[in-house]
PDB file of N, CA and C in Angstrom:
ATOM      1  N   MET A   1     -15.912 -37.731  20.331  1.00  0.00           N
ATOM      2  CA  MET A   1     -16.385 -37.361  19.022  1.00  0.00           C
ATOM      3  C   MET A   1     -15.308 -37.710  18.008  1.00  0.00           C
ATOM      4  N   LYS A   2     -15.638 -38.520  17.077  1.00  0.00           N
ATOM      5  CA  LYS A   2     -14.684 -38.987  16.085  1.00  0.00           C
ATOM      6  C   LYS A   2     -14.808 -38.121  14.830  1.00  0.00           C
ATOM      7  N   THR A   3     -13.657 -37.629  14.381  1.00  0.00           N
ATOM      8  CA  THR A   3     -13.638 -36.831  13.166  1.00  0.00           C
ATOM      9  C   THR A   3     -13.053 -37.675  12.055  1.00  0.00           C
ATOM     10  N   GLY A   4     -13.801 -37.835  11.002  1.00  0.00           N
ATOM     11  CA  GLY A   4     -13.334 -38.629   9.870  1.00  0.00           C
ATOM     12  C   GLY A   4     -12.375 -37.838   9.002  1.00  0.00           C
ATOM     13  N   ARG A   5     -11.911 -38.488   7.972  1.00  0.00           N
ATOM     14  CA  ARG A   5     -10.961 -37.860   7.057  1.00  0.00           C
ATOM     15  C   ARG A   5     -11.554 -36.608   6.414  1.00  0.00           C
ATOM     16  N   HIS A   6     -12.819 -36.663   6.077  1.00  0.00           N
ATOM     17  CA  HIS A   6     -13.454 -35.518   5.421  1.00  0.00           C
ATOM     18  C   HIS A   6     -13.647 -34.347   6.382  1.00  0.00           C
ATOM     19  N   GLY A   7     -13.840 -34.640   7.673  1.00  0.00           N
ATOM     20  CA  GLY A   7     -13.977 -33.568   8.661  1.00  0.00           C
ATOM     21  C   GLY A   7     -12.696 -32.762   8.789  1.00  0.00           C
ATOM     22  N   GLY A   8     -11.557 -33.446   8.768  1.00  0.00           N
ATOM     23  CA  GLY A   8     -10.262 -32.767   8.831  1.00  0.00           C
ATOM     24  C   GLY A   8     -10.008 -31.934   7.590  1.00  0.00           C
ATOM     25  N   MET A   9     -10.393 -32.467   6.433  1.00  0.00           N
ATOM     26  CA  MET A   9     -10.230 -31.728   5.179  1.00  0.00           C
ATOM     27  C   MET A   9     -11.119 -30.491   5.172  1.00  0.00           C
ATOM     28  N   ARG A  10     -12.321 -30.641   5.714  1.00  0.00           N
ATOM     29  CA  ARG A  10     -13.250 -29.514   5.766  1.00  0.00           C
ATOM     30  C   ARG A  10     -12.671 -28.395   6.631  1.00  0.00           C
ATOM     31  N   ARG A  11     -12.099 -28.760   7.778  1.00  0.00           N
ATOM     32  CA  ARG A  11     -11.493 -27.753   8.655  1.00  0.00           C
ATOM     33  C   ARG A  11     -10.320 -27.058   7.963  1.00  0.00           C
ATOM     34  N   LEU A  12      -9.524 -27.850   7.257  1.00  0.00           N
ATOM     35  CA  LEU A  12      -8.393 -27.287   6.532  1.00  0.00           C
ATOM     36  C   LEU A  12      -8.868 -26.311   5.456  1.00  0.00           C
ATOM     37  N   LEU A  13      -9.933 -26.672   4.756  1.00  0.00           N
ATOM     38  CA  LEU A  13     -10.491 -25.804   3.720  1.00  0.00           C
ATOM     39  C   LEU A  13     -11.024 -24.508   4.325  1.00  0.00           C
ATOM     40  N   VAL A  14     -11.741 -24.610   5.446  1.00  0.00           N
ATOM     41  CA  VAL A  14     -12.283 -23.422   6.115  1.00  0.00           C
ATOM     42  C   VAL A  14     -11.144 -22.519   6.579  1.00  0.00           C
ATOM     43  N   ALA A  15     -10.088 -23.114   7.137  1.00  0.00           N
ATOM     44  CA  ALA A  15      -8.940 -22.322   7.584  1.00  0.00           C
ATOM     45  C   ALA A  15      -8.276 -21.627   6.399  1.00  0.00           C
ATOM     46  N   GLY A  16      -8.152 -22.322   5.271  1.00  0.00           N
ATOM     47  CA  GLY A  16      -7.551 -21.731   4.071  1.00  0.00           C
ATOM     48  C   GLY A  16      -8.360 -20.562   3.550  1.00  0.00           C
ATOM     49  N   VAL A  17      -9.676 -20.713   3.521  1.00  0.00           N
ATOM     50  CA  VAL A  17     -10.552 -19.627   3.064  1.00  0.00           C
ATOM     51  C   VAL A  17     -10.422 -18.426   3.999  1.00  0.00           C
ATOM     52  N   ALA A  18     -10.351 -18.671   5.304  1.00  0.00           N
ATOM     53  CA  ALA A  18     -10.207 -17.579   6.268  1.00  0.00           C
ATOM     54  C   ALA A  18      -8.908 -16.810   6.041  1.00  0.00           C
ATOM     55  N   VAL A  19      -7.826 -17.533   5.774  1.00  0.00           N
ATOM     56  CA  VAL A  19      -6.541 -16.877   5.519  1.00  0.00           C
ATOM     57  C   VAL A  19      -6.622 -16.004   4.272  1.00  0.00           C
ATOM     58  N   VAL A  20      -7.231 -16.515   3.215  1.00  0.00           N
ATOM     59  CA  VAL A  20      -7.367 -15.744   1.974  1.00  0.00           C
ATOM     60  C   VAL A  20      -8.207 -14.495   2.206  1.00  0.00           C
ATOM     61  N   LEU A  21      -9.297 -14.627   2.938  1.00  0.00           N
ATOM     62  CA  LEU A  21     -10.155 -13.469   3.211  1.00  0.00           C
ATOM     63  C   LEU A  21      -9.434 -12.424   4.047  1.00  0.00           C
ATOM     64  N   LEU A  22      -8.692 -12.868   5.057  1.00  0.00           N
ATOM     65  CA  LEU A  22      -7.949 -11.924   5.885  1.00  0.00           C
ATOM     66  C   LEU A  22      -6.846 -11.249   5.087  1.00  0.00           C
ATOM     67  N   ALA A  23      -6.197 -11.972   4.211  1.00  0.00           N
ATOM     68  CA  ALA A  23      -5.162 -11.375   3.363  1.00  0.00           C
ATOM     69  C   ALA A  23      -5.783 -10.334   2.443  1.00  0.00           C
ATOM     70  N   GLY A  24      -6.964 -10.604   1.937  1.00  0.00           N
ATOM     71  CA  GLY A  24      -7.662  -9.640   1.090  1.00  0.00           C
ATOM     72  C   GLY A  24      -8.000  -8.374   1.847  1.00  0.00           C
ATOM     73  N   CYS A  25      -8.377  -8.509   3.099  1.00  0.00           N
ATOM     74  CA  CYS A  25      -8.681  -7.344   3.925  1.00  0.00           C
ATOM     75  C   CYS A  25      -7.430  -6.517   4.180  1.00  0.00           C
ATOM     76  N   ALA A  26      -6.299  -7.182   4.335  1.00  0.00           N
ATOM     77  CA  ALA A  26      -5.057  -6.481   4.632  1.00  0.00           C
ATOM     78  C   ALA A  26      -4.608  -5.611   3.463  1.00  0.00           C
ATOM     79  N   THR A  27      -4.958  -5.967   2.241  1.00  0.00           N
ATOM     80  CA  THR A  27      -4.505  -5.204   1.085  1.00  0.00           C
ATOM     81  C   THR A  27      -5.542  -4.191   0.609  1.00  0.00           C
ATOM     82  N   SER A  28      -6.661  -4.073   1.303  1.00  0.00           N
ATOM     83  CA  SER A  28      -7.726  -3.187   0.837  1.00  0.00           C
ATOM     84  C   SER A  28      -7.536  -1.744   1.301  1.00  0.00           C
ATOM     85  N   ARG A  29      -6.345  -1.385   1.777  1.00  0.00           N
ATOM     86  CA  ARG A  29      -6.099  -0.026   2.250  1.00  0.00           C
ATOM     87  C   ARG A  29      -5.879   0.963   1.105  1.00  0.00           C
ATOM     88  N   LEU A  30      -5.598   0.466  -0.077  1.00  0.00           N
ATOM     89  CA  LEU A  30      -5.328   1.335  -1.222  1.00  0.00           C
ATOM     90  C   LEU A  30      -6.639   1.620  -1.949  1.00  0.00           C
ATOM     91  N   THR A  31      -7.398   2.560  -1.384  1.00  0.00           N
ATOM     92  CA  THR A  31      -8.701   2.919  -1.933  1.00  0.00           C
ATOM     93  C   THR A  31      -8.720   4.409  -2.276  1.00  0.00           C
ATOM     94  N   SER A  32      -9.675   4.794  -3.088  1.00  0.00           N
ATOM     95  CA  SER A  32      -9.832   6.215  -3.425  1.00  0.00           C
ATOM     96  C   SER A  32     -10.120   7.042  -2.178  1.00  0.00           C
ATOM     97  N   ALA A  33     -10.885   6.477  -1.251  1.00  0.00           N
ATOM     98  CA  ALA A  33     -11.208   7.195  -0.012  1.00  0.00           C
ATOM     99  C   ALA A  33      -9.951   7.435   0.824  1.00  0.00           C
ATOM    100  N   ASN A  34      -9.099   6.423   0.957  1.00  0.00           N
ATOM    101  CA  ASN A  34      -7.860   6.603   1.713  1.00  0.00           C
ATOM    102  C   ASN A  34      -6.915   7.562   0.995  1.00  0.00           C
ATOM    103  N   TYR A  35      -6.873   7.488  -0.329  1.00  0.00           N
ATOM    104  CA  TYR A  35      -6.047   8.416  -1.108  1.00  0.00           C
ATOM    105  C   TYR A  35      -6.491   9.857  -0.839  1.00  0.00           C
ATOM    106  N   ALA A  36      -7.785  10.078  -0.775  1.00  0.00           N
ATOM    107  CA  ALA A  36      -8.321  11.423  -0.535  1.00  0.00           C
ATOM    108  C   ALA A  36      -7.944  11.946   0.855  1.00  0.00           C
ATOM    109  N   ARG A  37      -7.654  11.045   1.793  1.00  0.00           N
ATOM    110  CA  ARG A  37      -7.269  11.450   3.147  1.00  0.00           C
ATOM    111  C   ARG A  37      -5.844  11.992   3.216  1.00  0.00           C
ATOM    112  N   ILE A  38      -5.038  11.725   2.185  1.00  0.00           N
ATOM    113  CA  ILE A  38      -3.647  12.173   2.167  1.00  0.00           C
ATOM    114  C   ILE A  38      -3.609  13.632   1.716  1.00  0.00           C
ATOM    115  N   ASN A  39      -3.031  14.500   2.540  1.00  0.00           N
ATOM    116  CA  ASN A  39      -2.981  15.933   2.243  1.00  0.00           C
ATOM    117  C   ASN A  39      -1.553  16.449   2.273  1.00  0.00           C
ATOM    118  N   ASP A  40      -1.288  17.497   1.496  1.00  0.00           N
ATOM    119  CA  ASP A  40       0.023  18.146   1.543  1.00  0.00           C
ATOM    120  C   ASP A  40       0.333  18.559   2.973  1.00  0.00           C
ATOM    121  N   GLY A  41       1.588  18.345   3.367  1.00  0.00           N
ATOM    122  CA  GLY A  41       2.017  18.693   4.714  1.00  0.00           C
ATOM    123  C   GLY A  41       1.845  17.575   5.724  1.00  0.00           C
ATOM    124  N   MET A  42       1.133  16.515   5.356  1.00  0.00           N
ATOM    125  CA  MET A  42       0.911  15.390   6.265  1.00  0.00           C
ATOM    126  C   MET A  42       2.230  14.668   6.532  1.00  0.00           C
ATOM    127  N   ASP A  43       2.411  14.196   7.749  1.00  0.00           N
ATOM    128  CA  ASP A  43       3.612  13.475   8.151  1.00  0.00           C
ATOM    129  C   ASP A  43       3.676  12.097   7.479  1.00  0.00           C
ATOM    130  N   ARG A  44       4.898  11.650   7.125  1.00  0.00           N
ATOM    131  CA  ARG A  44       5.099  10.350   6.479  1.00  0.00           C
ATOM    132  C   ARG A  44       4.499   9.212   7.316  1.00  0.00           C
ATOM    133  N   ALA A  45       4.652   9.262   8.630  1.00  0.00           N
ATOM    134  CA  ALA A  45       4.109   8.212   9.498  1.00  0.00           C
ATOM    135  C   ALA A  45       2.587   8.143   9.405  1.00  0.00           C
ATOM    136  N   ASP A  46       1.940   9.287   9.256  1.00  0.00           N
ATOM    137  CA  ASP A  46       0.483   9.306   9.109  1.00  0.00           C
ATOM    138  C   ASP A  46       0.056   8.672   7.785  1.00  0.00           C
ATOM    139  N   VAL A  47       0.837   8.900   6.728  1.00  0.00           N
ATOM    140  CA  VAL A  47       0.543   8.294   5.424  1.00  0.00           C
ATOM    141  C   VAL A  47       0.648   6.773   5.527  1.00  0.00           C
ATOM    142  N   VAL A  48       1.712   6.292   6.168  1.00  0.00           N
ATOM    143  CA  VAL A  48       1.899   4.846   6.333  1.00  0.00           C
ATOM    144  C   VAL A  48       0.779   4.257   7.191  1.00  0.00           C
ATOM    145  N   ALA A  49       0.308   5.000   8.180  1.00  0.00           N
ATOM    146  CA  ALA A  49      -0.808   4.516   9.004  1.00  0.00           C
ATOM    147  C   ALA A  49      -2.075   4.349   8.169  1.00  0.00           C
ATOM    148  N   ILE A  50      -2.254   5.180   7.158  1.00  0.00           N
ATOM    149  CA  ILE A  50      -3.440   5.108   6.301  1.00  0.00           C
ATOM    150  C   ILE A  50      -3.284   4.053   5.213  1.00  0.00           C
ATOM    151  N   LEU A  51      -2.147   4.061   4.504  1.00  0.00           N
ATOM    152  CA  LEU A  51      -1.972   3.201   3.328  1.00  0.00           C
ATOM    153  C   LEU A  51      -1.193   1.920   3.603  1.00  0.00           C
ATOM    154  N   GLY A  52      -0.515   1.838   4.739  1.00  0.00           N
ATOM    155  CA  GLY A  52       0.350   0.693   5.008  1.00  0.00           C
ATOM    156  C   GLY A  52       1.748   0.979   4.484  1.00  0.00           C
ATOM    157  N   GLU A  53       2.632   0.003   4.617  1.00  0.00           N
ATOM    158  CA  GLU A  53       4.011   0.170   4.157  1.00  0.00           C
ATOM    159  C   GLU A  53       4.050   0.226   2.629  1.00  0.00           C
ATOM    160  N   PRO A  54       4.862   1.118   2.065  1.00  0.00           N
ATOM    161  CA  PRO A  54       4.946   1.220   0.602  1.00  0.00           C
ATOM    162  C   PRO A  54       5.697   0.046  -0.015  1.00  0.00           C
ATOM    163  N   ALA A  55       5.428  -0.196  -1.299  1.00  0.00           N
ATOM    164  CA  ALA A  55       6.124  -1.244  -2.043  1.00  0.00           C
ATOM    165  C   ALA A  55       7.521  -0.787  -2.442  1.00  0.00           C
ATOM    166  N   GLU A  56       7.686   0.505  -2.728  1.00  0.00           N
ATOM    167  CA  GLU A  56       8.973   1.070  -3.150  1.00  0.00           C
ATOM    168  C   GLU A  56       9.166   2.428  -2.502  1.00  0.00           C
ATOM    169  N   MET A  57      10.429   2.758  -2.229  1.00  0.00           N
ATOM    170  CA  MET A  57      10.773   4.085  -1.712  1.00  0.00           C
ATOM    171  C   MET A  57      12.057   4.564  -2.360  1.00  0.00           C
ATOM    172  N   VAL A  58      12.133   5.861  -2.615  1.00  0.00           N
ATOM    173  CA  VAL A  58      13.342   6.502  -3.118  1.00  0.00           C
ATOM    174  C   VAL A  58      13.554   7.749  -2.274  1.00  0.00           C
ATOM    175  N   SER A  59      14.794   7.988  -1.865  1.00  0.00           N
ATOM    176  CA  SER A  59      15.066   9.205  -1.104  1.00  0.00           C
ATOM    177  C   SER A  59      16.308   9.875  -1.663  1.00  0.00           C
ATOM    178  N   GLY A  60      16.425  11.152  -1.385  1.00  0.00           N
ATOM    179  CA  GLY A  60      17.568  11.907  -1.871  1.00  0.00           C
ATOM    180  C   GLY A  60      17.619  13.267  -1.216  1.00  0.00           C
ATOM    181  N   SER A  61      18.539  14.073  -1.699  1.00  0.00           N
ATOM    182  CA  SER A  61      18.729  15.404  -1.148  1.00  0.00           C
ATOM    183  C   SER A  61      19.057  16.363  -2.287  1.00  0.00           C
ATOM    184  N   LEU A  62      18.488  17.549  -2.238  1.00  0.00           N
ATOM    185  CA  LEU A  62      18.753  18.570  -3.243  1.00  0.00           C
ATOM    186  C   LEU A  62      18.867  19.912  -2.536  1.00  0.00           C
ATOM    187  N   LEU A  63      19.991  20.571  -2.699  1.00  0.00           N
ATOM    188  CA  LEU A  63      20.240  21.868  -2.070  1.00  0.00           C
ATOM    189  C   LEU A  63      20.013  21.820  -0.563  1.00  0.00           C
ATOM    190  N   GLY A  64      20.448  20.732   0.055  1.00  0.00           N
ATOM    191  CA  GLY A  64      20.332  20.582   1.498  1.00  0.00           C
ATOM    192  C   GLY A  64      18.960  20.168   1.990  1.00  0.00           C
ATOM    193  N   GLU A  65      18.018  19.995   1.100  1.00  0.00           N
ATOM    194  CA  GLU A  65      16.651  19.599   1.469  1.00  0.00           C
ATOM    195  C   GLU A  65      16.460  18.120   1.143  1.00  0.00           C
ATOM    196  N   SER A  66      16.080  17.328   2.149  1.00  0.00           N
ATOM    197  CA  SER A  66      15.861  15.899   1.912  1.00  0.00           C
ATOM    198  C   SER A  66      14.433  15.663   1.443  1.00  0.00           C
ATOM    199  N   GLY A  67      14.255  14.588   0.711  1.00  0.00           N
ATOM    200  CA  GLY A  67      12.925  14.252   0.214  1.00  0.00           C
ATOM    201  C   GLY A  67      12.954  12.927  -0.494  1.00  0.00           C
ATOM    202  N   GLY A  68      11.930  12.669  -1.262  1.00  0.00           N
ATOM    203  CA  GLY A  68      11.854  11.413  -1.998  1.00  0.00           C
ATOM    204  C   GLY A  68      10.419  11.084  -2.326  1.00  0.00           C
ATOM    205  N   GLY A  69      10.194   9.811  -2.541  1.00  0.00           N
ATOM    206  CA  GLY A  69       8.855   9.370  -2.887  1.00  0.00           C
ATOM    207  C   GLY A  69       8.624   7.939  -2.466  1.00  0.00           C
ATOM    208  N   ALA A  70       7.376   7.556  -2.456  1.00  0.00           N
ATOM    209  CA  ALA A  70       6.988   6.195  -2.089  1.00  0.00           C
ATOM    210  C   ALA A  70       5.855   5.747  -2.999  1.00  0.00           C
ATOM    211  N   VAL A  71       5.820   4.443  -3.274  1.00  0.00           N
ATOM    212  CA  VAL A  71       4.823   3.860  -4.171  1.00  0.00           C
ATOM    213  C   VAL A  71       4.076   2.753  -3.447  1.00  0.00           C
ATOM    214  N   TRP A  72       2.754   2.771  -3.597  1.00  0.00           N
ATOM    215  CA  TRP A  72       1.892   1.694  -3.109  1.00  0.00           C
ATOM    216  C   TRP A  72       1.195   1.102  -4.316  1.00  0.00           C
ATOM    217  N   ARG A  73       1.061  -0.232  -4.359  1.00  0.00           N
ATOM    218  CA  ARG A  73       0.410  -0.910  -5.487  1.00  0.00           C
ATOM    219  C   ARG A  73      -0.642  -1.885  -4.974  1.00  0.00           C
ATOM    220  N   GLN A  74      -1.729  -1.956  -5.700  1.00  0.00           N
ATOM    221  CA  GLN A  74      -2.748  -2.984  -5.474  1.00  0.00           C
ATOM    222  C   GLN A  74      -3.463  -3.205  -6.795  1.00  0.00           C
ATOM    223  N   GLY A  75      -3.320  -4.388  -7.352  1.00  0.00           N
ATOM    224  CA  GLY A  75      -3.934  -4.680  -8.638  1.00  0.00           C
ATOM    225  C   GLY A  75      -3.436  -3.700  -9.681  1.00  0.00           C
ATOM    226  N   ASP A  76      -4.356  -3.022 -10.353  1.00  0.00           N
ATOM    227  CA  ASP A  76      -3.958  -2.048 -11.373  1.00  0.00           C
ATOM    228  C   ASP A  76      -3.959  -0.612 -10.843  1.00  0.00           C
ATOM    229  N   THR A  77      -3.969  -0.452  -9.525  1.00  0.00           N
ATOM    230  CA  THR A  77      -3.933   0.871  -8.904  1.00  0.00           C
ATOM    231  C   THR A  77      -2.553   1.124  -8.314  1.00  0.00           C
ATOM    232  N   VAL A  78      -2.001   2.280  -8.625  1.00  0.00           N
ATOM    233  CA  VAL A  78      -0.699   2.688  -8.099  1.00  0.00           C
ATOM    234  C   VAL A  78      -0.851   4.084  -7.498  1.00  0.00           C
ATOM    235  N   VAL A  79      -0.377   4.256  -6.267  1.00  0.00           N
ATOM    236  CA  VAL A  79      -0.369   5.562  -5.609  1.00  0.00           C
ATOM    237  C   VAL A  79       1.084   5.965  -5.392  1.00  0.00           C
ATOM    238  N   VAL A  80       1.425   7.182  -5.803  1.00  0.00           N
ATOM    239  CA  VAL A  80       2.766   7.728  -5.612  1.00  0.00           C
ATOM    240  C   VAL A  80       2.638   8.965  -4.731  1.00  0.00           C
ATOM    241  N   ILE A  81       3.403   8.994  -3.648  1.00  0.00           N
ATOM    242  CA  ILE A  81       3.422  10.143  -2.743  1.00  0.00           C
ATOM    243  C   ILE A  81       4.834  10.722  -2.755  1.00  0.00           C
ATOM    244  N   GLN A  82       4.950  12.036  -2.987  1.00  0.00           N
ATOM    245  CA  GLN A  82       6.236  12.718  -2.943  1.00  0.00           C
ATOM    246  C   GLN A  82       6.381  13.375  -1.575  1.00  0.00           C
ATOM    247  N   PHE A  83       7.596  13.299  -1.022  1.00  0.00           N
ATOM    248  CA  PHE A  83       7.873  13.877   0.290  1.00  0.00           C
ATOM    249  C   PHE A  83       8.972  14.925   0.192  1.00  0.00           C
ATOM    250  N   ALA A  84       8.811  16.012   0.932  1.00  0.00           N
ATOM    251  CA  ALA A  84       9.861  17.001   1.168  1.00  0.00           C
ATOM    252  C   ALA A  84      10.153  16.911   2.656  1.00  0.00           C
ATOM    253  N   GLY A  85      11.338  16.427   2.989  1.00  0.00           N
ATOM    254  CA  GLY A  85      11.598  16.080   4.379  1.00  0.00           C
ATOM    255  C   GLY A  85      10.734  14.882   4.713  1.00  0.00           C
ATOM    256  N   ASP A  86       9.988  14.950   5.765  1.00  0.00           N
ATOM    257  CA  ASP A  86       9.061  13.873   6.130  1.00  0.00           C
ATOM    258  C   ASP A  86       7.609  14.291   5.922  1.00  0.00           C
ATOM    259  N   ARG A  87       7.383  15.286   5.085  1.00  0.00           N
ATOM    260  CA  ARG A  87       6.031  15.801   4.854  1.00  0.00           C
ATOM    261  C   ARG A  87       5.606  15.599   3.407  1.00  0.00           C
ATOM    262  N   VAL A  88       4.319  15.332   3.204  1.00  0.00           N
ATOM    263  CA  VAL A  88       3.781  15.141   1.854  1.00  0.00           C
ATOM    264  C   VAL A  88       3.908  16.444   1.067  1.00  0.00           C
ATOM    265  N   ALA A  89       4.488  16.325  -0.138  1.00  0.00           N
ATOM    266  CA  ALA A  89       4.634  17.482  -1.022  1.00  0.00           C
ATOM    267  C   ALA A  89       3.790  17.331  -2.285  1.00  0.00           C
ATOM    268  N   GLY A  90       3.272  16.135  -2.527  1.00  0.00           N
ATOM    269  CA  GLY A  90       2.447  15.891  -3.700  1.00  0.00           C
ATOM    270  C   GLY A  90       2.001  14.441  -3.727  1.00  0.00           C
ATOM    271  N   LYS A  91       1.004  14.159  -4.554  1.00  0.00           N
ATOM    272  CA  LYS A  91       0.497  12.794  -4.650  1.00  0.00           C
ATOM    273  C   LYS A  91      -0.096  12.567  -6.026  1.00  0.00           C
ATOM    274  N   GLN A  92      -0.145  11.302  -6.412  1.00  0.00           N
ATOM    275  CA  GLN A  92      -0.731  10.920  -7.700  1.00  0.00           C
ATOM    276  C   GLN A  92      -1.297   9.516  -7.563  1.00  0.00           C
ATOM    277  N   ILE A  93      -2.456   9.290  -8.162  1.00  0.00           N
ATOM    278  CA  ILE A  93      -3.036   7.955  -8.229  1.00  0.00           C
ATOM    279  C   ILE A  93      -3.194   7.598  -9.704  1.00  0.00           C
ATOM    280  N   VAL A  94      -2.789   6.395 -10.048  1.00  0.00           N
ATOM    281  CA  VAL A  94      -2.876   5.913 -11.425  1.00  0.00           C
ATOM    282  C   VAL A  94      -3.645   4.604 -11.399  1.00  0.00           C
ATOM    283  N   LYS A  95      -4.690   4.522 -12.200  1.00  0.00           N
ATOM    284  CA  LYS A  95      -5.472   3.287 -12.294  1.00  0.00           C
ATOM    285  C   LYS A  95      -5.408   2.777 -13.718  1.00  0.00           C
ATOM    286  N   GLY A  96      -5.305   1.472 -13.857  1.00  0.00           N
ATOM    287  CA  GLY A  96      -5.352   0.868 -15.179  1.00  0.00           C
ATOM    288  C   GLY A  96      -4.010   0.501 -15.765  1.00  0.00           C
ATOM    289  N   ARG A  97      -2.924   0.995 -15.185  1.00  0.00           N
ATOM    290  CA  ARG A  97      -1.598   0.589 -15.644  1.00  0.00           C
ATOM    291  C   ARG A  97      -0.633   0.719 -14.475  1.00  0.00           C
ATOM    292  N   ALA A  98       0.294  -0.185 -14.412  1.00  0.00           N
ATOM    293  CA  ALA A  98       1.255  -0.175 -13.312  1.00  0.00           C
ATOM    294  C   ALA A  98       2.507   0.586 -13.726  1.00  0.00           C
ATOM    295  N   ILE A  99       3.003   1.404 -12.819  1.00  0.00           N
ATOM    296  CA  ILE A  99       4.263   2.095 -13.055  1.00  0.00           C
ATOM    297  C   ILE A  99       5.151   1.882 -11.848  1.00  0.00           C
ATOM    298  N   GLY A 100       6.430   2.016 -12.035  1.00  0.00           N
ATOM    299  CA  GLY A 100       7.381   1.974 -10.932  1.00  0.00           C
ATOM    300  C   GLY A 100       7.780   3.390 -10.577  1.00  0.00           C
ATOM    301  N   LEU A 101       8.228   3.591  -9.377  1.00  0.00           N
ATOM    302  CA  LEU A 101       8.611   4.925  -8.931  1.00  0.00           C
ATOM    303  C   LEU A 101       9.709   5.498  -9.816  1.00  0.00           C
ATOM    304  N   LEU A 102      10.684   4.694 -10.170  1.00  0.00           N
ATOM    305  CA  LEU A 102      11.775   5.208 -10.993  1.00  0.00           C
ATOM    306  C   LEU A 102      11.277   5.612 -12.374  1.00  0.00           C
ATOM    307  N   ASP A 103      10.319   4.874 -12.936  1.00  0.00           N
ATOM    308  CA  ASP A 103       9.727   5.261 -14.221  1.00  0.00           C
ATOM    309  C   ASP A 103       8.973   6.574 -14.081  1.00  0.00           C
ATOM    310  N   TRP A 104       8.257   6.739 -12.983  1.00  0.00           N
ATOM    311  CA  TRP A 104       7.445   7.924 -12.762  1.00  0.00           C
ATOM    312  C   TRP A 104       8.320   9.170 -12.589  1.00  0.00           C
ATOM    313  N   LEU A 105       9.487   8.994 -11.962  1.00  0.00           N
ATOM    314  CA  LEU A 105      10.363  10.129 -11.703  1.00  0.00           C
ATOM    315  C   LEU A 105      11.122  10.593 -12.939  1.00  0.00           C
ATOM    316  N   LYS A 106      11.160   9.791 -14.000  1.00  0.00           N
ATOM    317  CA  LYS A 106      11.923  10.148 -15.211  1.00  0.00           C
ATOM    318  C   LYS A 106      11.288  11.296 -15.952  1.00  0.00           C
TER     319      LYS A 106
END
């Protein structure tokens, strides 16, 4: 079976479209439904299992208690999760404008 020049280009185009679609699926974890699944007291590893790896993280310690926050971004949606130790202490979702974790903490 002989494949002409256009057949090879067609395969390349199909492969490119598949990669784009799969990449789109990989970033679709930042949804309102997944945000609603995050609850106070939830373990940090469970949050990452739901939302994926965060774009930004900040950690620190106050009065011997460790904590921090993490930010997830997708398009104009930003989710910020605050942690006390390795447990969720609070959460916020912002749609329509992008913020950075350091801006949010100010």
